[in-house]
């Protein structure tokens, strides 16, 4: 489902903490830069044709994924940016549960058909309390004992 046509204000964004996100992105891009420089220095610009550039761009996809992955909270729903970005209006979300045990610390959200639409670890997202607040205000909470 696509977000509504009217422009939405993003209330909060939840991504990997910046240090991890930058480190992982640089870790994925560094081999591309080294390989590109090595090819350029060894063979000159003649080897950097569209096929090689296409392969280097393909190698960069994990870095783009890591940088973009996360959750955006909108006034009328959430956008889950895991694998493929997907919009979920609050009306389509049925319930959620945050397992706060120290060994788990996992947020799970289900849709109205009881399908799991999201499961994330608290350590993988910034501002987890703000995300929990938005869910608490708009989606039923599954009250399981800890």
N, C-alpha and C. Protein backbone atom coordinates (compact mmCIF):
# COMPACT_ATOMS: atom_id res chain seq x y z
N UNK A 1 0.84 -1.17 0.00
CA UNK A 1 0.00 0.00 0.00
C UNK A 1 0.89 1.24 0.00
N UNK A 2 0.53 2.22 -0.79
CA UNK A 2 1.32 3.45 -0.88
C UNK A 2 0.82 4.47 0.12
N UNK A 3 1.71 5.38 0.56
CA UNK A 3 1.27 6.43 1.47
C UNK A 3 0.24 7.31 0.78
N UNK A 4 -0.60 8.01 1.55
CA UNK A 4 -1.60 8.88 0.95
C UNK A 4 -0.95 9.94 0.06
N UNK A 5 -1.72 10.43 -0.91
CA UNK A 5 -1.20 11.41 -1.86
C UNK A 5 -0.87 12.73 -1.20
N UNK A 6 -1.55 13.06 -0.12
CA UNK A 6 -1.25 14.32 0.56
C UNK A 6 0.10 14.22 1.23
N UNK A 7 0.85 15.31 1.21
CA UNK A 7 2.19 15.25 1.83
C UNK A 7 2.09 15.01 3.34
N UNK A 8 2.89 14.09 3.81
CA UNK A 8 2.91 13.76 5.23
C UNK A 8 4.15 14.34 5.89
N UNK A 9 3.96 14.74 7.09
CA UNK A 9 5.07 15.19 7.91
C UNK A 9 5.59 13.98 8.66
N UNK A 10 6.87 13.74 8.56
CA UNK A 10 7.46 12.63 9.30
C UNK A 10 7.67 13.08 10.73
N UNK A 11 6.97 12.42 11.64
CA UNK A 11 7.07 12.78 13.05
C UNK A 11 8.42 12.37 13.61
N UNK A 12 8.84 11.16 13.29
CA UNK A 12 10.15 10.70 13.77
C UNK A 12 10.68 9.63 12.84
N UNK A 13 12.01 9.56 12.78
CA UNK A 13 12.70 8.54 12.00
C UNK A 13 13.50 7.67 12.95
N UNK A 14 13.47 6.40 12.67
CA UNK A 14 14.16 5.45 13.54
C UNK A 14 15.08 4.60 12.66
N UNK A 15 16.38 4.78 12.84
CA UNK A 15 17.38 4.09 12.04
C UNK A 15 18.39 3.43 12.98
N UNK A 16 19.34 2.73 12.40
CA UNK A 16 20.47 2.27 13.21
C UNK A 16 21.14 3.49 13.84
N UNK A 17 21.70 3.36 15.02
CA UNK A 17 22.45 4.49 15.57
C UNK A 17 23.51 4.96 14.58
N UNK A 18 23.71 6.27 14.50
CA UNK A 18 24.53 6.88 13.46
C UNK A 18 25.93 6.27 13.34
N UNK A 19 26.58 6.01 14.44
CA UNK A 19 27.93 5.43 14.39
C UNK A 19 27.95 4.08 13.69
N UNK A 20 26.99 3.23 14.01
CA UNK A 20 26.92 1.91 13.36
C UNK A 20 26.57 2.05 11.88
N UNK A 21 25.61 2.95 11.61
CA UNK A 21 25.16 3.12 10.23
C UNK A 21 26.28 3.64 9.34
N UNK A 22 27.02 4.63 9.84
CA UNK A 22 28.15 5.16 9.07
C UNK A 22 29.23 4.11 8.91
N UNK A 23 29.55 3.41 9.98
CA UNK A 23 30.60 2.38 9.92
C UNK A 23 30.27 1.26 8.95
N UNK A 24 29.03 0.77 9.00
CA UNK A 24 28.64 -0.30 8.07
C UNK A 24 28.61 0.18 6.63
N UNK A 25 28.14 1.40 6.42
CA UNK A 25 28.09 1.94 5.06
C UNK A 25 29.49 2.12 4.50
N UNK A 26 30.38 2.68 5.30
CA UNK A 26 31.77 2.85 4.85
C UNK A 26 32.41 1.48 4.62
N UNK A 27 32.11 0.52 5.49
CA UNK A 27 32.65 -0.82 5.31
C UNK A 27 32.22 -1.47 4.00
N UNK A 28 31.01 -1.19 3.55
CA UNK A 28 30.55 -1.73 2.27
C UNK A 28 31.09 -0.94 1.08
N UNK A 29 31.31 0.36 1.26
CA UNK A 29 31.78 1.19 0.14
C UNK A 29 33.29 1.15 -0.05
N UNK A 30 34.04 0.89 1.02
CA UNK A 30 35.50 0.91 0.94
C UNK A 30 36.07 -0.07 -0.09
N UNK A 31 35.63 -1.33 -0.15
CA UNK A 31 36.17 -2.21 -1.19
C UNK A 31 35.87 -1.72 -2.61
N UNK A 32 34.73 -1.07 -2.79
CA UNK A 32 34.38 -0.53 -4.11
C UNK A 32 35.36 0.57 -4.50
N UNK A 33 35.65 1.45 -3.57
CA UNK A 33 36.60 2.54 -3.83
C UNK A 33 37.99 1.98 -4.10
N UNK A 34 38.43 1.03 -3.29
CA UNK A 34 39.77 0.44 -3.48
C UNK A 34 39.86 -0.27 -4.83
N UNK A 35 38.83 -1.06 -5.18
CA UNK A 35 38.83 -1.76 -6.46
C UNK A 35 38.79 -0.77 -7.62
N UNK A 36 37.96 0.25 -7.51
CA UNK A 36 37.89 1.27 -8.57
C UNK A 36 39.20 2.00 -8.76
N UNK A 37 39.85 2.38 -7.65
CA UNK A 37 41.15 3.05 -7.74
C UNK A 37 42.22 2.13 -8.31
N UNK A 38 42.21 0.88 -7.88
CA UNK A 38 43.20 -0.07 -8.40
C UNK A 38 43.03 -0.27 -9.90
N UNK A 39 41.81 -0.41 -10.35
CA UNK A 39 41.56 -0.55 -11.79
C UNK A 39 41.96 0.70 -12.56
N UNK A 40 41.64 1.84 -11.98
CA UNK A 40 41.96 3.11 -12.63
C UNK A 40 43.47 3.32 -12.72
N UNK A 41 44.19 3.02 -11.64
CA UNK A 41 45.65 3.20 -11.64
C UNK A 41 46.35 2.18 -12.53
N UNK A 42 45.85 0.98 -12.56
CA UNK A 42 46.50 -0.08 -13.33
C UNK A 42 46.21 0.00 -14.83
N UNK A 43 44.95 0.22 -15.16
CA UNK A 43 44.55 0.16 -16.56
C UNK A 43 44.08 1.49 -17.13
N UNK A 44 44.01 2.51 -16.31
CA UNK A 44 43.53 3.80 -16.79
C UNK A 44 42.01 3.77 -16.95
N UNK A 45 41.48 4.81 -17.54
CA UNK A 45 40.03 4.95 -17.67
C UNK A 45 39.44 3.99 -18.69
N UNK A 46 40.26 3.29 -19.46
CA UNK A 46 39.73 2.39 -20.50
C UNK A 46 39.00 1.19 -19.91
N UNK A 47 39.41 0.72 -18.74
CA UNK A 47 38.76 -0.43 -18.14
C UNK A 47 37.47 -0.06 -17.42
N UNK A 48 37.31 1.20 -17.07
CA UNK A 48 36.11 1.61 -16.36
C UNK A 48 34.99 1.91 -17.36
N UNK A 49 34.47 0.88 -18.00
CA UNK A 49 33.34 1.05 -18.92
C UNK A 49 32.04 0.78 -18.16
N UNK A 50 30.94 0.77 -18.85
CA UNK A 50 29.63 0.62 -18.21
C UNK A 50 29.48 -0.73 -17.50
N UNK A 51 30.07 -1.78 -18.01
CA UNK A 51 29.96 -3.08 -17.35
C UNK A 51 30.64 -3.07 -15.99
N UNK A 52 31.82 -2.50 -15.92
CA UNK A 52 32.53 -2.43 -14.64
C UNK A 52 31.82 -1.48 -13.70
N UNK A 53 31.40 -0.33 -14.19
CA UNK A 53 30.68 0.62 -13.35
C UNK A 53 29.37 0.02 -12.84
N UNK A 54 28.71 -0.77 -13.69
CA UNK A 54 27.48 -1.45 -13.25
C UNK A 54 27.74 -2.43 -12.12
N UNK A 55 28.83 -3.18 -12.22
CA UNK A 55 29.19 -4.11 -11.15
C UNK A 55 29.53 -3.37 -9.85
N UNK A 56 30.24 -2.25 -9.98
CA UNK A 56 30.57 -1.46 -8.79
C UNK A 56 29.30 -0.89 -8.17
N UNK A 57 28.37 -0.45 -8.99
CA UNK A 57 27.09 0.05 -8.47
C UNK A 57 26.31 -1.06 -7.78
N UNK A 58 26.34 -2.26 -8.34
CA UNK A 58 25.68 -3.40 -7.73
C UNK A 58 26.31 -3.74 -6.37
N UNK A 59 27.61 -3.60 -6.28
CA UNK A 59 28.30 -3.84 -5.01
C UNK A 59 27.92 -2.81 -3.96
N UNK A 60 27.44 -1.64 -4.38
CA UNK A 60 27.09 -0.57 -3.45
C UNK A 60 25.67 -0.73 -2.89
N UNK A 61 24.87 -1.63 -3.43
CA UNK A 61 23.49 -1.77 -2.96
C UNK A 61 23.36 -2.08 -1.46
N UNK A 62 24.19 -2.94 -0.88
CA UNK A 62 24.07 -3.15 0.57
C UNK A 62 24.30 -1.88 1.38
N UNK A 63 25.21 -1.03 0.92
CA UNK A 63 25.46 0.23 1.64
C UNK A 63 24.23 1.13 1.60
N UNK A 64 23.58 1.18 0.45
CA UNK A 64 22.35 1.98 0.32
C UNK A 64 21.27 1.40 1.22
N UNK A 65 21.16 0.09 1.24
CA UNK A 65 20.16 -0.58 2.07
C UNK A 65 20.39 -0.26 3.55
N UNK A 66 21.61 -0.39 4.00
CA UNK A 66 21.93 -0.12 5.41
C UNK A 66 21.62 1.32 5.76
N UNK A 67 21.95 2.25 4.88
CA UNK A 67 21.75 3.67 5.16
C UNK A 67 20.26 4.00 5.23
N UNK A 68 19.45 3.32 4.44
CA UNK A 68 18.04 3.67 4.29
C UNK A 68 17.12 2.87 5.22
N UNK A 69 17.58 1.74 5.73
CA UNK A 69 16.75 0.85 6.54
C UNK A 69 16.27 1.54 7.81
N UNK A 70 15.04 1.28 8.20
CA UNK A 70 14.50 1.82 9.43
C UNK A 70 13.00 1.98 9.38
N UNK A 71 12.47 2.83 10.26
CA UNK A 71 11.03 3.06 10.37
C UNK A 71 10.78 4.56 10.44
N UNK A 72 9.81 5.03 9.66
CA UNK A 72 9.37 6.42 9.72
C UNK A 72 7.97 6.44 10.32
N UNK A 73 7.76 7.32 11.30
CA UNK A 73 6.44 7.46 11.91
C UNK A 73 5.78 8.69 11.31
N UNK A 74 4.59 8.48 10.75
CA UNK A 74 3.78 9.55 10.17
C UNK A 74 2.56 9.75 11.05
N UNK A 75 1.84 10.86 10.88
CA UNK A 75 0.63 11.06 11.70
C UNK A 75 -0.44 9.99 11.47
N UNK A 76 -0.48 9.39 10.29
CA UNK A 76 -1.55 8.44 9.98
C UNK A 76 -1.04 7.01 9.72
N UNK A 77 0.22 6.73 10.00
CA UNK A 77 0.75 5.39 9.78
C UNK A 77 2.25 5.35 9.93
N UNK A 78 2.82 4.21 9.57
CA UNK A 78 4.28 4.06 9.63
C UNK A 78 4.77 3.55 8.27
N UNK A 79 6.00 3.91 7.96
CA UNK A 79 6.67 3.36 6.79
C UNK A 79 7.80 2.49 7.30
N UNK A 80 7.71 1.21 6.96
CA UNK A 80 8.75 0.26 7.35
C UNK A 80 9.75 0.18 6.20
N UNK A 81 10.97 0.59 6.45
CA UNK A 81 12.01 0.56 5.43
C UNK A 81 12.95 -0.62 5.70
N UNK A 82 12.42 -1.80 5.54
CA UNK A 82 13.19 -3.03 5.67
C UNK A 82 12.99 -3.78 4.37
N UNK A 83 14.06 -4.11 3.69
CA UNK A 83 14.03 -4.71 2.36
C UNK A 83 13.42 -3.74 1.37
N UNK A 84 12.08 -3.70 1.26
CA UNK A 84 11.39 -2.78 0.36
C UNK A 84 10.55 -1.85 1.23
N UNK A 85 10.65 -0.53 1.05
CA UNK A 85 9.83 0.38 1.87
C UNK A 85 8.33 0.07 1.69
N UNK A 86 7.61 0.03 2.80
CA UNK A 86 6.18 -0.29 2.76
C UNK A 86 5.45 0.55 3.78
N UNK A 87 4.34 1.12 3.35
CA UNK A 87 3.52 1.98 4.20
C UNK A 87 2.42 1.16 4.85
N UNK A 88 2.21 1.37 6.16
CA UNK A 88 1.14 0.72 6.90
C UNK A 88 0.33 1.79 7.63
N UNK A 89 -0.91 2.05 7.18
CA UNK A 89 -1.76 2.98 7.95
C UNK A 89 -2.11 2.34 9.29
N UNK A 90 -2.34 3.16 10.30
CA UNK A 90 -2.65 2.62 11.62
C UNK A 90 -3.90 1.74 11.60
N UNK A 91 -4.85 2.03 10.70
CA UNK A 91 -6.07 1.22 10.64
C UNK A 91 -5.79 -0.23 10.22
N UNK A 92 -4.71 -0.46 9.51
CA UNK A 92 -4.37 -1.81 9.04
C UNK A 92 -3.51 -2.56 10.06
N UNK A 93 -3.05 -1.86 11.09
CA UNK A 93 -2.25 -2.51 12.14
C UNK A 93 -3.18 -2.91 13.27
N UNK A 94 -3.09 -4.15 13.72
CA UNK A 94 -4.01 -4.64 14.74
C UNK A 94 -3.44 -4.50 16.14
N UNK A 95 -2.22 -4.96 16.35
CA UNK A 95 -1.65 -4.86 17.69
C UNK A 95 -0.13 -4.93 17.63
N UNK A 96 0.48 -4.64 18.77
CA UNK A 96 1.93 -4.65 18.87
C UNK A 96 2.32 -5.12 20.26
N UNK A 97 3.56 -5.55 20.37
CA UNK A 97 4.09 -5.99 21.65
C UNK A 97 5.58 -5.70 21.69
N UNK A 98 6.04 -5.15 22.81
CA UNK A 98 7.47 -4.92 23.01
C UNK A 98 7.94 -5.86 24.11
N UNK A 99 8.76 -6.81 23.76
CA UNK A 99 9.32 -7.75 24.71
C UNK A 99 10.52 -7.07 25.36
N UNK A 100 10.34 -6.59 26.58
CA UNK A 100 11.37 -5.78 27.23
C UNK A 100 12.39 -6.59 28.02
N UNK A 101 12.31 -7.92 27.94
CA UNK A 101 13.32 -8.72 28.65
C UNK A 101 14.71 -8.40 28.10
N UNK A 102 15.67 -8.38 28.96
CA UNK A 102 17.03 -7.97 28.60
C UNK A 102 17.62 -8.84 27.49
N UNK A 103 17.23 -10.10 27.44
CA UNK A 103 17.77 -10.99 26.41
C UNK A 103 17.06 -10.81 25.06
N UNK A 104 15.90 -10.17 25.04
CA UNK A 104 15.14 -10.01 23.80
C UNK A 104 15.09 -8.55 23.33
N UNK A 105 14.38 -7.69 24.05
CA UNK A 105 14.17 -6.26 23.69
C UNK A 105 13.77 -6.14 22.21
N UNK A 106 12.64 -6.80 21.87
CA UNK A 106 12.17 -6.89 20.50
C UNK A 106 10.77 -6.31 20.39
N UNK A 107 10.56 -5.48 19.36
CA UNK A 107 9.25 -4.91 19.05
C UNK A 107 8.65 -5.71 17.90
N UNK A 108 7.42 -6.19 18.09
CA UNK A 108 6.72 -6.93 17.04
C UNK A 108 5.38 -6.25 16.80
N UNK A 109 5.02 -6.07 15.52
CA UNK A 109 3.75 -5.45 15.14
C UNK A 109 3.04 -6.39 14.17
N UNK A 110 1.72 -6.60 14.39
CA UNK A 110 0.91 -7.45 13.53
C UNK A 110 -0.16 -6.61 12.83
N UNK A 111 -0.58 -7.08 11.64
CA UNK A 111 -1.65 -6.38 10.93
C UNK A 111 -3.01 -6.99 11.29
N UNK A 112 -4.09 -6.50 10.67
CA UNK A 112 -5.43 -6.96 11.00
C UNK A 112 -5.67 -8.41 10.61
N UNK A 113 -4.84 -8.98 9.76
CA UNK A 113 -4.95 -10.39 9.38
C UNK A 113 -4.03 -11.27 10.22
N UNK A 114 -3.53 -10.71 11.31
CA UNK A 114 -2.64 -11.39 12.25
C UNK A 114 -1.33 -11.84 11.61
N UNK A 115 -0.87 -11.10 10.59
CA UNK A 115 0.43 -11.35 9.99
C UNK A 115 1.44 -10.39 10.62
N UNK A 116 2.61 -10.92 10.87
CA UNK A 116 3.67 -10.10 11.43
C UNK A 116 4.18 -9.16 10.34
N UNK A 117 4.07 -7.84 10.58
CA UNK A 117 4.52 -6.88 9.57
C UNK A 117 5.88 -6.29 9.93
N UNK A 118 6.26 -6.44 11.18
CA UNK A 118 7.53 -5.85 11.59
C UNK A 118 8.02 -6.52 12.86
N UNK A 119 9.31 -6.81 12.90
CA UNK A 119 9.95 -7.30 14.11
C UNK A 119 11.35 -6.72 14.13
N UNK A 120 11.63 -5.88 15.12
CA UNK A 120 12.93 -5.22 15.19
C UNK A 120 13.46 -5.26 16.62
N UNK A 121 14.76 -5.25 16.73
CA UNK A 121 15.42 -5.19 18.03
C UNK A 121 15.55 -3.73 18.46
N UNK A 122 15.40 -3.48 19.72
CA UNK A 122 15.48 -2.11 20.24
C UNK A 122 16.85 -1.50 19.99
N UNK A 123 17.89 -2.29 20.05
CA UNK A 123 19.24 -1.77 19.84
C UNK A 123 19.52 -1.38 18.39
N UNK A 124 18.65 -1.81 17.48
CA UNK A 124 18.87 -1.50 16.06
C UNK A 124 18.18 -0.23 15.62
N UNK A 125 17.44 0.42 16.51
CA UNK A 125 16.72 1.64 16.14
C UNK A 125 17.00 2.76 17.13
N UNK A 126 17.10 3.96 16.61
CA UNK A 126 17.24 5.13 17.46
C UNK A 126 15.86 5.54 17.97
N UNK A 127 15.81 6.23 19.07
CA UNK A 127 14.59 6.79 19.65
C UNK A 127 13.47 5.77 19.79
N UNK A 128 13.78 4.60 20.31
CA UNK A 128 12.77 3.56 20.48
C UNK A 128 11.59 4.02 21.34
N UNK A 129 11.79 4.80 22.43
CA UNK A 129 10.64 5.25 23.21
C UNK A 129 9.65 6.08 22.38
N UNK A 130 10.14 6.90 21.45
CA UNK A 130 9.24 7.69 20.61
C UNK A 130 8.43 6.79 19.68
N UNK A 131 9.03 5.74 19.17
CA UNK A 131 8.31 4.80 18.32
C UNK A 131 7.24 4.06 19.12
N UNK A 132 7.60 3.63 20.33
CA UNK A 132 6.63 2.95 21.19
C UNK A 132 5.48 3.87 21.57
N UNK A 133 5.78 5.14 21.78
CA UNK A 133 4.74 6.13 22.10
C UNK A 133 3.76 6.28 20.95
N UNK A 134 4.26 6.36 19.73
CA UNK A 134 3.40 6.50 18.56
C UNK A 134 2.52 5.26 18.40
N UNK A 135 3.08 4.08 18.60
CA UNK A 135 2.29 2.86 18.51
C UNK A 135 1.25 2.79 19.62
N UNK A 136 1.62 3.19 20.82
CA UNK A 136 0.71 3.15 21.95
C UNK A 136 -0.48 4.09 21.73
N UNK A 137 -0.23 5.21 21.09
CA UNK A 137 -1.30 6.19 20.84
C UNK A 137 -2.23 5.76 19.71
N UNK A 138 -1.76 4.90 18.79
CA UNK A 138 -2.54 4.63 17.59
C UNK A 138 -2.90 3.16 17.35
N UNK A 139 -2.25 2.23 18.03
CA UNK A 139 -2.46 0.81 17.76
C UNK A 139 -2.67 0.09 19.08
N UNK A 140 -3.54 -0.92 19.07
CA UNK A 140 -3.81 -1.71 20.28
C UNK A 140 -2.53 -2.40 20.75
N UNK A 141 -2.34 -2.43 22.05
CA UNK A 141 -1.15 -3.05 22.65
C UNK A 141 -1.52 -4.45 23.12
N UNK A 142 -0.71 -5.43 22.74
CA UNK A 142 -0.91 -6.81 23.19
C UNK A 142 -0.24 -6.93 24.55
N UNK A 143 -1.02 -7.09 25.57
CA UNK A 143 -0.52 -7.07 26.94
C UNK A 143 -0.11 -8.46 27.40
N UNK A 144 1.05 -8.89 27.00
CA UNK A 144 1.58 -10.16 27.46
C UNK A 144 2.46 -9.92 28.66
N UNK A 145 2.49 -10.83 29.59
CA UNK A 145 3.37 -10.64 30.76
C UNK A 145 4.84 -10.78 30.35
N UNK A 146 5.69 -10.06 31.04
CA UNK A 146 7.14 -10.14 30.78
C UNK A 146 7.77 -11.28 31.51
